[in-house]
Amino acid sequence: DDLNGITSASGVFTYWIEAEENLGNTFGYEEKSLSNQVTFAQKTDLFMPNAFRPGGVTPTFKPVFLFFNGPSYLFQVYNRWGQLIFETNQSSEGWDGEYQGRPAPTGTFLYRLVYQDFDGKSFEERGAFTLVR
């Protein structure tokens, strides 16, 4: 199956075969038969933006996942002095460009992302991005 158009799904898919008796058979049967089910998880894919403009097209800075379905998640944003200014354990939350209730200045910030995929394999991503006002 082509899964390219599916972006918000967890990435867990279950397949089975369903057979139906044709209508109008000589014995009048209308039966169904199901095969065993097979479940698998699509590999998690990740894109990290390298720039962010609060109030722009994307209201928050966060990773963009394709098929994220892992059991753990930690996303952190640091300023240029290494001070933690944002942290979340929810993959749906992102940084809005503010620190202590005030807009953060234009400049370079760092991020750290730690997560597990469906199979429990751990990943850590670190990088920098630019905040543009």
Protein backbone atom coordinates (compact mmCIF):
# COMPACT_ATOMS: atom_id res chain seq x y z
CA ASP A 1 0.00 0.00 0.00
CA ASP A 2 1.10 3.55 -0.67
CA LEU A 3 1.26 5.28 2.75
CA ASN A 4 2.64 8.63 1.51
CA GLY A 5 -0.64 10.50 2.03
CA ILE A 6 -1.06 9.35 5.63
CA THR A 7 0.68 11.82 7.96
CA SER A 8 -1.26 11.88 11.23
CA ALA A 9 -1.68 8.17 11.81
CA SER A 10 0.24 6.38 14.53
CA GLY A 11 1.89 4.19 11.92
CA VAL A 12 0.45 0.95 13.30
CA PHE A 13 -1.36 -1.03 10.60
CA THR A 14 -3.28 -4.30 10.70
CA TYR A 15 -3.94 -6.42 7.60
CA TRP A 16 -6.22 -9.35 7.03
CA ILE A 17 -8.01 -11.03 4.15
CA GLU A 18 -11.78 -11.18 4.03
CA ALA A 19 -13.48 -13.61 1.67
CA GLU A 20 -17.20 -13.39 0.85
CA GLU A 21 -19.39 -15.98 -0.78
CA ASN A 22 -20.77 -14.70 -4.10
CA LEU A 23 -24.43 -13.79 -4.09
CA GLY A 24 -26.60 -16.09 -6.13
CA ASN A 25 -24.56 -19.28 -5.60
CA THR A 26 -26.45 -22.54 -6.05
CA PHE A 27 -26.61 -23.29 -2.30
CA GLY A 28 -27.79 -19.81 -1.23
CA TYR A 29 -24.87 -19.24 1.13
CA GLU A 30 -23.82 -15.69 2.06
CA GLU A 31 -20.85 -16.41 4.32
CA LYS A 32 -17.70 -14.47 5.24
CA SER A 33 -14.33 -15.81 6.27
CA LEU A 34 -11.50 -13.78 7.85
CA SER A 35 -7.83 -14.69 7.83
CA ASN A 36 -5.43 -14.23 10.73
CA GLN A 37 -4.47 -10.60 11.39
CA VAL A 38 -0.94 -9.27 10.94
CA THR A 39 0.02 -6.00 12.69
CA PHE A 40 3.16 -3.98 11.98
CA ALA A 41 4.45 -0.48 12.69
CA GLN A 42 5.72 1.89 10.03
CA LYS A 43 9.19 3.33 10.73
CA THR A 44 9.10 6.73 12.45
CA ASP A 45 10.50 9.51 10.29
CA LEU A 46 11.48 12.96 11.54
CA PHE A 47 12.05 16.45 10.15
CA MET A 48 13.42 19.28 12.30
CA PRO A 49 12.95 22.82 10.99
CA ASN A 50 16.06 25.02 10.99
CA ALA A 51 14.18 28.32 11.44
CA PHE A 52 11.08 29.49 13.28
CA ARG A 53 9.02 32.67 13.17
CA PRO A 54 6.44 33.00 15.98
CA GLY A 55 3.07 33.94 14.55
CA GLY A 56 4.12 32.65 11.14
CA VAL A 57 2.77 29.66 9.23
CA THR A 58 3.59 27.32 12.13
CA PRO A 59 2.52 28.69 15.54
CA THR A 60 5.07 26.62 17.51
CA PHE A 61 8.53 25.16 16.99
CA LYS A 62 8.54 21.38 17.30
CA PRO A 63 9.63 18.25 15.45
CA VAL A 64 7.52 17.14 12.51
CA PHE A 65 7.02 13.38 12.71
CA LEU A 66 5.72 10.92 10.19
CA PHE A 67 4.25 7.91 12.01
CA PHE A 68 5.35 8.71 15.56
CA ASN A 69 4.01 6.00 17.83
CA GLY A 70 6.62 5.64 20.54
CA PRO A 71 6.05 5.28 24.29
CA SER A 72 8.33 8.14 25.41
CA TYR A 73 9.16 11.66 24.23
CA LEU A 74 11.17 14.62 25.55
CA PHE A 75 11.67 17.89 23.65
CA GLN A 76 13.80 20.73 25.04
CA VAL A 77 14.83 24.18 23.80
CA TYR A 78 17.90 26.02 25.12
CA ASN A 79 19.11 29.58 24.59
CA ARG A 80 22.63 30.36 23.35
CA TRP A 81 24.00 30.25 26.91
CA GLY A 82 22.73 26.70 27.43
CA GLN A 83 19.83 27.70 29.68
CA LEU A 84 16.74 25.47 29.38
CA ILE A 85 13.84 27.69 28.29
CA PHE A 86 11.24 25.12 27.19
CA GLU A 87 10.53 21.45 27.89
CA THR A 88 7.66 19.08 27.13
CA ASN A 89 6.83 15.38 27.23
CA GLN A 90 3.88 15.79 24.83
CA SER A 91 4.63 15.36 21.13
CA SER A 92 1.70 17.65 20.28
CA GLU A 93 3.23 20.62 22.16
CA GLY A 94 5.85 23.00 20.81
CA TRP A 95 7.70 26.16 21.84
CA ASP A 96 5.81 29.39 21.11
CA GLY A 97 8.93 31.62 21.00
CA GLU A 98 8.48 33.07 24.48
CA TYR A 99 10.55 32.82 27.64
CA GLN A 100 9.19 33.84 31.05
CA GLY A 101 6.14 35.39 29.37
CA ARG A 102 8.16 37.62 27.04
CA PRO A 103 9.14 37.19 23.38
CA ALA A 104 12.57 35.62 23.03
CA PRO A 105 15.04 37.67 20.97
CA THR A 106 16.01 36.89 17.40
CA GLY A 107 18.95 34.54 17.33
CA THR A 108 20.19 30.99 17.48
CA PHE A 109 18.67 28.44 19.84
CA LEU A 110 19.44 24.79 20.50
CA TYR A 111 17.11 21.84 20.75
CA ARG A 112 17.35 18.34 22.19
CA LEU A 113 14.87 15.61 21.30
CA VAL A 114 14.81 12.18 22.95
CA TYR A 115 12.19 9.62 21.94
CA GLN A 116 11.51 5.93 21.52
CA ASP A 117 9.99 4.33 18.46
CA PHE A 118 7.29 1.66 18.42
CA ASP A 119 9.87 -1.10 18.96
CA GLY A 120 11.34 0.67 22.02
CA LYS A 121 14.54 1.78 20.27
CA SER A 122 15.80 5.11 21.71
CA PHE A 123 16.89 8.08 19.61
CA GLU A 124 18.44 11.41 20.51
CA GLU A 125 18.61 14.38 18.15
CA ARG A 126 20.40 17.66 18.86
CA GLY A 127 20.73 20.72 16.71
CA ALA A 128 20.36 24.45 16.28
CA PHE A 129 17.70 26.64 14.74
CA THR A 130 17.18 30.34 14.18
CA LEU A 131 14.36 32.33 15.75
CA VAL A 132 13.34 35.17 13.41
CA ARG A 133 11.16 38.06 14.54
